[in-house]
Amino acid sequence: MKITRKKNRETTTLSFEGDLTIYNVTESKAEIFADHERLTDKIALDLHNVSEIDTAGVQLLLFTKVFFAKLHKTVFITKSNEIVDAVLTKLDLSSQFSLES
């Protein structure tokens, strides 16, 4: 899993590429939260290049949302794909992440 950051005035976009699974969730968590205090108040998750996601990946996304909510930051999905959408829908979690563009 590769996570890149792109920051503009209002939003930090975290772009995920590869598998977001139990096999790399620890490394992904470290990348997401590295220098987390420097992220903007709006955090966009670009998931359109996620090739596989399992429940560990979903837990990381939920943890990310809760963690940043405690810091008064908003987390939302800016781009997704069929793989991510299918898992979030199957787990009835689609409503947890607003999809914004």
Protein backbone atom coordinates (compact mmCIF):
# COMPACT_ATOMS: atom_id res chain seq x y z
CA MET A 1 0.00 0.00 0.00
CA LYS A 2 1.28 3.39 -0.99
CA ILE A 3 -0.27 6.51 0.52
CA THR A 4 0.59 9.93 -0.84
CA ARG A 5 -0.42 13.32 0.50
CA LYS A 6 -1.44 16.37 -1.42
CA LYS A 7 -2.28 19.50 0.50
CA ASN A 8 -3.98 22.67 -0.62
CA ARG A 9 -5.27 25.55 1.44
CA GLU A 10 -8.38 23.78 2.78
CA THR A 11 -7.94 20.04 2.22
CA THR A 12 -5.33 17.35 2.63
CA THR A 13 -5.91 14.47 0.21
CA LEU A 14 -4.60 11.05 1.17
CA SER A 15 -4.37 8.91 -1.98
CA PHE A 16 -4.27 5.17 -1.45
CA GLU A 17 -2.77 2.81 -4.03
CA GLY A 18 -2.69 -0.98 -3.72
CA ASP A 19 -4.13 -3.40 -1.18
CA LEU A 20 -5.63 -2.10 2.06
CA THR A 21 -5.66 -5.40 3.91
CA ILE A 22 -4.59 -7.03 7.15
CA TYR A 23 -1.18 -7.63 5.60
CA ASN A 24 -0.31 -3.94 5.38
CA VAL A 25 -2.73 -2.11 7.67
CA THR A 26 -0.05 -1.42 10.30
CA GLU A 27 2.21 0.29 7.78
CA SER A 28 -0.76 2.15 6.29
CA LYS A 29 -1.77 3.43 9.73
CA ALA A 30 1.75 4.73 10.31
CA GLU A 31 1.66 6.59 6.98
CA ILE A 32 -1.78 8.10 7.61
CA PHE A 33 -0.93 9.39 11.08
CA ALA A 34 2.63 10.55 10.45
CA ASP A 35 2.64 14.28 11.18
CA HIS A 36 -1.14 14.16 11.62
CA GLU A 37 -1.11 17.49 13.43
CA ARG A 38 -0.03 19.17 10.17
CA LEU A 39 -3.09 17.99 8.23
CA THR A 40 -5.80 20.47 7.31
CA ASP A 41 -9.26 20.42 8.91
CA LYS A 42 -10.69 18.61 5.89
CA ILE A 43 -9.13 15.24 5.00
CA ALA A 44 -10.12 13.63 1.71
CA LEU A 45 -9.56 9.94 1.14
CA ASP A 46 -8.89 9.07 -2.50
CA LEU A 47 -9.57 5.33 -2.68
CA HIS A 48 -9.99 4.89 -6.43
CA ASN A 49 -6.64 3.03 -6.74
CA VAL A 50 -7.33 0.55 -3.93
CA SER A 51 -7.08 -2.89 -5.51
CA GLU A 52 -8.29 -4.89 -2.50
CA ILE A 53 -9.81 -4.03 0.88
CA ASP A 54 -10.78 -6.30 3.76
CA THR A 55 -12.31 -5.70 7.18
CA ALA A 56 -8.94 -4.66 8.62
CA GLY A 57 -8.75 -1.95 5.95
CA VAL A 58 -12.29 -0.86 6.72
CA GLN A 59 -11.45 -0.72 10.43
CA LEU A 60 -8.50 1.53 9.63
CA LEU A 61 -10.76 3.87 7.65
CA LEU A 62 -13.26 4.00 10.52
CA PHE A 63 -10.50 4.57 13.07
CA THR A 64 -9.12 7.38 10.91
CA LYS A 65 -12.53 9.06 10.83
CA VAL A 66 -13.06 8.77 14.60
CA PHE A 67 -9.52 9.86 15.47
CA PHE A 68 -9.70 13.00 13.36
CA ALA A 69 -13.26 13.79 14.49
CA LYS A 70 -11.89 14.08 18.04
CA LEU A 71 -9.49 16.71 16.66
CA HIS A 72 -12.43 18.52 14.98
CA LYS A 73 -11.31 17.45 11.51
CA THR A 74 -13.64 16.09 8.82
CA VAL A 75 -12.79 12.90 6.91
CA PHE A 76 -14.59 12.07 3.69
CA ILE A 77 -14.11 9.94 0.59
CA THR A 78 -13.42 12.02 -2.48
CA LYS A 79 -12.94 9.14 -4.93
CA SER A 80 -13.80 5.48 -4.68
CA ASN A 81 -14.15 2.42 -6.88
CA GLU A 82 -16.37 -0.63 -7.22
CA ILE A 83 -14.21 -2.75 -4.91
CA VAL A 84 -14.34 -0.29 -2.01
CA ASP A 85 -18.00 0.56 -2.62
CA ALA A 86 -18.98 -3.12 -2.60
CA VAL A 87 -17.28 -3.79 0.75
CA LEU A 88 -18.67 -0.66 2.42
CA THR A 89 -22.15 -1.47 1.11
CA LYS A 90 -21.96 -5.11 2.20
CA LEU A 91 -20.95 -4.02 5.70
CA ASP A 92 -23.66 -1.31 5.70
CA LEU A 93 -21.04 1.41 6.24
CA SER A 94 -21.55 3.56 3.16
CA SER A 95 -23.33 6.20 5.21
CA GLN A 96 -20.31 6.53 7.52
CA PHE A 97 -18.31 8.26 4.78
CA SER A 98 -19.81 11.09 2.80
CA LEU A 99 -18.66 11.08 -0.82
CA GLU A 100 -17.59 14.57 -1.86
CA SER A 101 -15.79 15.88 -4.89
